[in-house]
Amino acid sequence: GNSLTVTDGIVSGVETDNNGVHYYKTSAKIDHGNSGGIAIEDSGCVIGIPTFVQQGELESIGRILDLKYIFDNLK
């Protein structure tokens, strides 16, 4: 639909996967409906794109694709 959603979370770290892709780790809940949206910090700056969730036994950790990484690799 035409609704907007806001999900609150904390960025707990940064990681690089085996392919050199940079992600922020977050406690924000990332569902199918909000992956591909934008992630912003408190000041309103866009930091990346919510991409996927790593499911664990006790917790789930969301991954936000780093905006700088995206811009650096657009060619």
Protein backbone atom coordinates (compact mmCIF):
# COMPACT_ATOMS: atom_id res chain seq x y z
CA GLY A 1 0.00 0.00 0.00
CA ASN A 2 0.88 3.63 0.40
CA SER A 3 1.82 3.48 4.08
CA LEU A 4 5.16 4.44 5.58
CA THR A 5 6.69 2.62 8.51
CA VAL A 6 9.44 3.56 10.94
CA THR A 7 11.45 0.94 12.79
CA ASP A 8 13.75 1.92 15.63
CA GLY A 9 17.04 0.17 16.27
CA ILE A 10 20.65 0.49 17.32
CA VAL A 11 23.68 0.07 15.05
CA SER A 12 25.97 -2.26 16.99
CA GLY A 13 28.85 -2.61 14.57
CA VAL A 14 30.18 -2.71 11.04
CA GLU A 15 31.29 -5.79 9.16
CA THR A 16 32.66 -6.74 5.77
CA ASP A 17 31.60 -10.04 4.20
CA ASN A 18 33.81 -12.42 2.19
CA ASN A 19 33.05 -10.45 -1.00
CA GLY A 20 34.18 -7.13 0.49
CA VAL A 21 30.63 -5.81 0.97
CA HIS A 22 30.24 -3.44 3.96
CA TYR A 23 27.23 -3.76 6.27
CA TYR A 24 26.06 -2.13 9.48
CA LYS A 25 24.74 -4.59 12.08
CA THR A 26 21.49 -3.38 13.66
CA SER A 27 18.88 -4.38 16.19
CA ALA A 28 16.18 -2.81 13.99
CA LYS A 29 13.63 -5.35 12.81
CA ILE A 30 13.99 -5.83 9.05
CA ASP A 31 11.04 -7.51 7.34
CA HIS A 32 10.29 -8.24 3.68
CA GLY A 33 8.34 -4.99 3.48
CA ASN A 34 11.15 -2.71 4.62
CA SER A 35 14.21 -4.28 3.02
CA GLY A 36 15.21 -2.02 0.16
CA GLY A 37 14.00 1.10 1.96
CA ILE A 38 16.39 3.52 3.63
CA ALA A 39 18.09 3.57 7.01
CA ILE A 40 18.70 6.96 8.58
CA GLU A 41 20.59 8.10 11.66
CA ASP A 42 19.21 10.42 14.34
CA SER A 43 20.35 13.53 12.45
CA GLY A 44 18.35 12.46 9.37
CA CYS A 45 21.30 11.40 7.19
CA VAL A 46 20.82 8.26 5.10
CA ILE A 47 23.37 5.60 6.10
CA GLY A 48 22.30 2.69 3.91
CA ILE A 49 19.69 0.24 2.70
CA PRO A 50 18.19 -2.45 4.98
CA THR A 51 19.06 -5.66 3.18
CA PHE A 52 18.63 -8.86 5.19
CA VAL A 53 18.42 -10.44 8.65
CA GLN A 54 20.68 -13.09 10.14
CA GLN A 55 18.50 -15.32 12.34
CA GLY A 56 20.11 -16.61 15.52
CA GLU A 57 18.85 -18.85 18.30
CA LEU A 58 18.46 -15.98 20.75
CA GLU A 59 18.34 -12.92 18.53
CA SER A 60 18.13 -11.68 14.97
CA ILE A 61 20.64 -9.17 13.63
CA GLY A 62 19.66 -6.96 10.71
CA ARG A 63 22.12 -5.90 8.05
CA ILE A 64 22.14 -2.47 6.42
CA LEU A 65 24.13 -2.14 3.21
CA ASP A 66 26.50 0.83 3.68
CA LEU A 67 25.54 3.81 1.47
CA LYS A 68 29.18 4.79 0.87
CA TYR A 69 29.89 1.24 -0.33
CA ILE A 70 26.92 1.48 -2.71
CA PHE A 71 28.09 4.80 -4.21
CA ASP A 72 31.71 3.64 -4.45
CA ASN A 73 30.62 0.58 -6.46
CA LEU A 74 28.09 2.15 -8.85
CA LYS A 75 29.81 2.00 -12.22
